[in-house]
């Protein structure tokens, strides 16, 4: 009877361990499925964002059109800047000539004294 009881106890322990192992396996599977679902959701989100970027890049006002528009604006700004630099160079030349003339006149006046 003791041997049968020991076998029954061992069987009960083994059965309990098998149930615990199966439970842990199911929990692990559920966790894995949850992680897979999260990754799938993230991939869908990335795909949507990528599609939106593609539409934005190729749309009527796509990146190429925006770049061309900015290039036109920059060209206009460059032309205005070049014109302003030319004007300032002319002002500088006229100011130098004026001051040199005044300086020469002052020098002659002091030499006459």
N, C-alpha and C. Protein backbone atom coordinates (compact mmCIF):
# COMPACT_ATOMS: atom_id res chain seq x y z
N UNK A 1 0.80 -1.19 0.00
CA UNK A 1 0.00 0.00 0.00
C UNK A 1 0.86 1.27 0.00
N UNK A 2 1.96 1.24 0.75
CA UNK A 2 2.83 2.42 0.77
C UNK A 2 3.43 2.66 -0.59
N UNK A 3 3.76 1.61 -1.28
CA UNK A 3 4.33 1.77 -2.61
C UNK A 3 3.30 2.37 -3.55
N UNK A 4 2.05 1.90 -3.44
CA UNK A 4 1.00 2.45 -4.27
C UNK A 4 0.76 3.92 -3.93
N UNK A 5 0.82 4.24 -2.66
CA UNK A 5 0.62 5.62 -2.21
C UNK A 5 1.76 6.50 -2.74
N UNK A 6 3.00 5.98 -2.67
CA UNK A 6 4.15 6.74 -3.16
C UNK A 6 4.02 6.97 -4.66
N UNK A 7 3.60 5.93 -5.39
CA UNK A 7 3.41 6.07 -6.83
C UNK A 7 2.31 7.08 -7.11
N UNK A 8 1.24 7.02 -6.35
CA UNK A 8 0.12 7.95 -6.53
C UNK A 8 0.58 9.38 -6.25
N UNK A 9 1.41 9.55 -5.21
CA UNK A 9 1.93 10.89 -4.87
C UNK A 9 2.83 11.39 -5.99
N UNK A 10 3.72 10.50 -6.47
CA UNK A 10 4.61 10.87 -7.58
C UNK A 10 3.82 11.21 -8.83
N UNK A 11 2.77 10.44 -9.10
CA UNK A 11 1.92 10.70 -10.26
C UNK A 11 1.21 12.05 -10.11
N UNK A 12 0.75 12.33 -8.89
CA UNK A 12 0.06 13.61 -8.63
C UNK A 12 1.03 14.76 -8.82
N UNK A 13 2.26 14.59 -8.30
CA UNK A 13 3.28 15.65 -8.47
C UNK A 13 3.61 15.85 -9.95
N UNK A 14 3.78 14.75 -10.67
CA UNK A 14 4.09 14.82 -12.09
C UNK A 14 2.94 15.47 -12.84
N UNK A 15 1.73 15.13 -12.47
CA UNK A 15 0.55 15.70 -13.12
C UNK A 15 0.47 17.19 -12.83
N UNK A 16 0.76 17.58 -11.57
CA UNK A 16 0.74 18.99 -11.20
C UNK A 16 1.82 19.76 -11.98
N UNK A 17 3.02 19.16 -12.07
CA UNK A 17 4.12 19.79 -12.81
C UNK A 17 3.76 19.92 -14.30
N UNK A 18 3.11 18.90 -14.84
CA UNK A 18 2.71 18.94 -16.25
C UNK A 18 1.68 20.04 -16.47
N UNK A 19 0.74 20.19 -15.52
CA UNK A 19 -0.27 21.25 -15.63
C UNK A 19 0.40 22.62 -15.55
N UNK A 20 1.35 22.77 -14.60
CA UNK A 20 2.07 24.04 -14.46
C UNK A 20 2.89 24.35 -15.72
N UNK A 21 3.53 23.32 -16.25
CA UNK A 21 4.33 23.50 -17.46
C UNK A 21 3.43 23.88 -18.64
N UNK A 22 2.30 23.24 -18.76
CA UNK A 22 1.35 23.56 -19.83
C UNK A 22 0.82 24.98 -19.65
N UNK A 23 0.57 25.38 -18.41
CA UNK A 23 0.08 26.74 -18.14
C UNK A 23 1.14 27.77 -18.51
N UNK A 24 2.39 27.49 -18.14
CA UNK A 24 3.47 28.40 -18.50
C UNK A 24 3.65 28.46 -20.01
N UNK A 25 3.49 27.32 -20.66
CA UNK A 25 3.61 27.28 -22.12
C UNK A 25 2.52 28.12 -22.77
N UNK A 26 1.28 28.02 -22.26
CA UNK A 26 0.18 28.82 -22.78
C UNK A 26 0.41 30.31 -22.53
N UNK A 27 0.94 30.63 -21.34
CA UNK A 27 1.25 32.04 -21.03
C UNK A 27 2.34 32.56 -21.98
N UNK A 28 3.34 31.73 -22.23
CA UNK A 28 4.42 32.10 -23.13
C UNK A 28 3.89 32.29 -24.55
N UNK A 29 3.01 31.39 -24.97
CA UNK A 29 2.40 31.52 -26.30
C UNK A 29 1.57 32.79 -26.39
N UNK A 30 0.80 33.07 -25.35
CA UNK A 30 -0.04 34.28 -25.33
C UNK A 30 0.84 35.53 -25.39
N UNK A 31 1.94 35.52 -24.64
CA UNK A 31 2.87 36.64 -24.65
C UNK A 31 3.50 36.79 -26.03
N UNK A 32 3.90 35.68 -26.63
CA UNK A 32 4.48 35.73 -27.97
C UNK A 32 3.47 36.25 -28.98
N UNK A 33 2.23 35.79 -28.89
CA UNK A 33 1.19 36.26 -29.80
C UNK A 33 0.93 37.75 -29.61
N UNK A 34 0.97 38.20 -28.37
CA UNK A 34 0.79 39.62 -28.08
C UNK A 34 1.93 40.43 -28.69
N UNK A 35 3.14 39.96 -28.55
CA UNK A 35 4.29 40.66 -29.12
C UNK A 35 4.21 40.68 -30.66
N UNK A 36 3.81 39.55 -31.23
CA UNK A 36 3.67 39.48 -32.69
C UNK A 36 2.61 40.47 -33.14
N UNK A 37 1.49 40.56 -32.42
CA UNK A 37 0.42 41.49 -32.77
C UNK A 37 0.94 42.93 -32.70
N UNK A 38 1.72 43.25 -31.64
CA UNK A 38 2.27 44.60 -31.50
C UNK A 38 3.20 44.93 -32.68
N UNK A 39 4.05 43.98 -33.04
CA UNK A 39 4.96 44.20 -34.16
C UNK A 39 4.17 44.39 -35.46
N UNK A 40 3.12 43.61 -35.65
CA UNK A 40 2.28 43.75 -36.84
C UNK A 40 1.65 45.14 -36.88
N UNK A 41 1.17 45.62 -35.73
CA UNK A 41 0.56 46.95 -35.67
C UNK A 41 1.59 48.03 -35.99
N UNK A 42 2.79 47.87 -35.47
CA UNK A 42 3.85 48.84 -35.75
C UNK A 42 4.22 48.83 -37.23
N UNK A 43 4.28 47.65 -37.81
CA UNK A 43 4.60 47.55 -39.24
C UNK A 43 3.51 48.22 -40.09
N UNK A 44 2.25 48.02 -39.71
CA UNK A 44 1.15 48.67 -40.44
C UNK A 44 1.26 50.19 -40.32
N UNK A 45 1.62 50.68 -39.13
CA UNK A 45 1.79 52.12 -38.92
C UNK A 45 2.94 52.66 -39.77
N UNK A 46 4.04 51.93 -39.81
CA UNK A 46 5.19 52.34 -40.63
C UNK A 46 4.81 52.35 -42.11
N UNK A 47 4.07 51.35 -42.54
CA UNK A 47 3.64 51.28 -43.94
C UNK A 47 2.74 52.47 -44.28
N UNK A 48 1.82 52.84 -43.38
CA UNK A 48 0.94 53.99 -43.62
C UNK A 48 1.76 55.28 -43.72
N UNK A 49 2.72 55.43 -42.82
CA UNK A 49 3.57 56.63 -42.84
C UNK A 49 4.39 56.69 -44.12
N UNK A 50 4.92 55.55 -44.53
CA UNK A 50 5.71 55.50 -45.76
C UNK A 50 4.86 55.87 -46.97
N UNK A 51 3.65 55.33 -47.01
CA UNK A 51 2.73 55.66 -48.12
C UNK A 51 2.43 57.16 -48.13
N UNK A 52 2.21 57.74 -46.95
CA UNK A 52 1.94 59.18 -46.87
C UNK A 52 3.13 59.99 -47.38
N UNK A 53 4.34 59.56 -47.03
CA UNK A 53 5.54 60.25 -47.52
C UNK A 53 5.67 60.15 -49.03
N UNK A 54 5.35 58.97 -49.56
CA UNK A 54 5.41 58.79 -51.02
C UNK A 54 4.41 59.71 -51.72
N UNK A 55 3.21 59.81 -51.19
CA UNK A 55 2.19 60.69 -51.77
C UNK A 55 2.66 62.13 -51.68
N UNK A 56 3.21 62.51 -50.54
CA UNK A 56 3.70 63.89 -50.37
C UNK A 56 4.84 64.19 -51.33
N UNK A 57 5.72 63.24 -51.51
CA UNK A 57 6.89 63.45 -52.37
C UNK A 57 6.50 63.56 -53.84
N UNK A 58 5.47 62.85 -54.25
CA UNK A 58 5.11 62.80 -55.67
C UNK A 58 3.87 63.62 -56.01
N UNK A 59 3.25 64.21 -55.01
CA UNK A 59 2.00 64.93 -55.25
C UNK A 59 2.19 66.17 -56.08
N UNK A 60 1.08 66.88 -56.29
CA UNK A 60 1.08 68.10 -57.11
C UNK A 60 2.08 69.10 -56.55
N UNK A 61 2.11 69.22 -55.25
CA UNK A 61 3.10 70.09 -54.60
C UNK A 61 4.16 69.22 -53.95
N UNK A 62 4.65 68.26 -54.68
CA UNK A 62 5.64 67.33 -54.16
C UNK A 62 6.96 68.01 -53.86
N UNK A 63 7.87 67.21 -53.39
CA UNK A 63 9.18 67.74 -52.97
C UNK A 63 9.91 68.41 -54.12
N UNK A 64 9.82 67.85 -55.31
CA UNK A 64 10.52 68.44 -56.46
C UNK A 64 9.97 69.83 -56.76
N UNK A 65 8.65 69.95 -56.73
CA UNK A 65 8.02 71.25 -56.99
C UNK A 65 8.40 72.25 -55.90
N UNK A 66 8.42 71.80 -54.67
CA UNK A 66 8.80 72.69 -53.58
C UNK A 66 10.25 73.13 -53.71
N UNK A 67 11.12 72.20 -54.10
CA UNK A 67 12.52 72.56 -54.29
C UNK A 67 12.68 73.57 -55.42
N UNK A 68 11.95 73.37 -56.50
CA UNK A 68 12.01 74.33 -57.62
C UNK A 68 11.52 75.70 -57.17
N UNK A 69 10.44 75.73 -56.40
CA UNK A 69 9.91 76.99 -55.90
C UNK A 69 10.94 77.70 -55.02
N UNK A 70 11.60 76.95 -54.16
CA UNK A 70 12.63 77.54 -53.30
C UNK A 70 13.82 78.03 -54.12
N UNK A 71 14.16 77.31 -55.16
CA UNK A 71 15.27 77.72 -56.03
C UNK A 71 14.95 79.05 -56.70
N UNK A 72 13.70 79.22 -57.15
CA UNK A 72 13.28 80.48 -57.78
C UNK A 72 13.40 81.62 -56.76
N UNK A 73 12.92 81.36 -55.55
CA UNK A 73 13.01 82.38 -54.50
C UNK A 73 14.46 82.73 -54.19
N UNK A 74 15.31 81.71 -54.07
CA UNK A 74 16.72 81.96 -53.78
C UNK A 74 17.39 82.74 -54.91
N UNK A 75 17.04 82.45 -56.15
CA UNK A 75 17.60 83.18 -57.28
C UNK A 75 17.22 84.65 -57.19
N UNK A 76 15.97 84.93 -56.86
CA UNK A 76 15.52 86.31 -56.69
C UNK A 76 16.27 87.01 -55.57
N UNK A 77 16.44 86.31 -54.46
CA UNK A 77 17.18 86.90 -53.34
C UNK A 77 18.64 87.16 -53.71
N UNK A 78 19.23 86.20 -54.45
CA UNK A 78 20.62 86.40 -54.89
C UNK A 78 20.74 87.63 -55.77
N UNK A 79 19.80 87.81 -56.70
CA UNK A 79 19.83 88.97 -57.60
C UNK A 79 19.70 90.27 -56.81
N UNK A 80 18.79 90.29 -55.83
CA UNK A 80 18.63 91.49 -55.00
C UNK A 80 19.89 91.77 -54.19
N UNK A 81 20.50 90.73 -53.67
CA UNK A 81 21.72 90.89 -52.89
C UNK A 81 22.87 91.40 -53.77
N UNK A 82 22.99 90.85 -54.97
CA UNK A 82 24.03 91.33 -55.90
C UNK A 82 23.82 92.80 -56.24
N UNK A 83 22.57 93.18 -56.46
CA UNK A 83 22.25 94.58 -56.78
C UNK A 83 22.61 95.49 -55.60
N UNK A 84 22.29 95.05 -54.40
CA UNK A 84 22.60 95.86 -53.21
C UNK A 84 24.11 95.98 -53.03
N UNK A 85 24.84 94.87 -53.28
CA UNK A 85 26.30 94.93 -53.17
C UNK A 85 26.89 95.88 -54.20
N UNK A 86 26.38 95.87 -55.43
CA UNK A 86 26.86 96.78 -56.47
C UNK A 86 26.58 98.23 -56.07
N UNK A 87 25.39 98.47 -55.53
CA UNK A 87 25.03 99.82 -55.10
C UNK A 87 25.98 100.29 -53.99
N UNK A 88 26.22 99.42 -53.00
CA UNK A 88 27.12 99.79 -51.91
C UNK A 88 28.54 100.03 -52.41
N UNK A 89 28.98 99.24 -53.37
CA UNK A 89 30.32 99.44 -53.94
C UNK A 89 30.38 100.80 -54.62
N UNK A 90 29.34 101.21 -55.34
CA UNK A 90 29.28 102.52 -55.98
C UNK A 90 29.28 103.64 -54.97
N UNK A 91 28.50 103.47 -53.90
CA UNK A 91 28.46 104.48 -52.84
C UNK A 91 29.84 104.61 -52.21
N UNK A 92 30.49 103.49 -51.97
CA UNK A 92 31.83 103.51 -51.38
C UNK A 92 32.82 104.23 -52.29
N UNK A 93 32.76 103.93 -53.58
CA UNK A 93 33.67 104.59 -54.54
C UNK A 93 33.43 106.10 -54.57
N UNK A 94 32.15 106.50 -54.61
CA UNK A 94 31.84 107.93 -54.63
C UNK A 94 32.27 108.60 -53.34
N UNK A 95 32.08 107.95 -52.21
CA UNK A 95 32.49 108.53 -50.93
C UNK A 95 34.00 108.69 -50.87
N UNK A 96 34.73 107.68 -51.33
CA UNK A 96 36.20 107.77 -51.34
C UNK A 96 36.67 108.92 -52.23
N UNK A 97 36.07 109.01 -53.42
CA UNK A 97 36.45 110.07 -54.35
C UNK A 97 36.16 111.44 -53.74
N UNK A 98 35.00 111.58 -53.11
CA UNK A 98 34.62 112.84 -52.48
C UNK A 98 35.60 113.20 -51.37
N UNK A 99 35.91 112.25 -50.49
CA UNK A 99 36.83 112.52 -49.38
C UNK A 99 38.25 112.78 -49.89
N UNK A 100 38.65 112.07 -50.93
CA UNK A 100 39.99 112.32 -51.49
C UNK A 100 40.07 113.72 -52.07
N UNK A 101 39.01 114.14 -52.76
CA UNK A 101 38.96 115.51 -53.31
C UNK A 101 39.01 116.54 -52.20
N UNK A 102 38.26 116.33 -51.16
CA UNK A 102 38.26 117.26 -50.03
C UNK A 102 39.62 117.29 -49.34
N UNK A 103 40.22 116.11 -49.21
CA UNK A 103 41.54 116.03 -48.57
C UNK A 103 42.58 116.77 -49.42
N UNK A 104 42.52 116.57 -50.74
CA UNK A 104 43.46 117.28 -51.63
C UNK A 104 43.25 118.79 -51.52
N UNK A 105 42.02 119.22 -51.50
CA UNK A 105 41.71 120.65 -51.39
C UNK A 105 42.22 121.20 -50.06
N UNK A 106 42.04 120.44 -48.99
CA UNK A 106 42.53 120.86 -47.68
C UNK A 106 44.05 120.93 -47.67
N UNK A 107 44.69 120.01 -48.33
CA UNK A 107 46.16 119.98 -48.40
C UNK A 107 46.67 121.22 -49.16
N UNK A 108 46.03 121.53 -50.27
CA UNK A 108 46.45 122.70 -51.05
C UNK A 108 46.22 123.99 -50.25
N UNK A 109 45.10 124.03 -49.53
CA UNK A 109 44.81 125.22 -48.72
C UNK A 109 45.86 125.40 -47.64
N UNK A 110 46.28 124.32 -47.03
CA UNK A 110 47.29 124.43 -45.97
C UNK A 110 48.65 124.76 -46.54
N UNK A 111 48.95 124.33 -47.76
CA UNK A 111 50.23 124.64 -48.37
C UNK A 111 50.28 126.12 -48.78
N UNK A 112 49.14 126.70 -49.15
CA UNK A 112 49.09 128.09 -49.53
C UNK A 112 49.27 129.01 -48.34
N UNK A 113 48.95 128.52 -47.18
CA UNK A 113 49.07 129.37 -45.99
C UNK A 113 50.48 129.43 -45.61
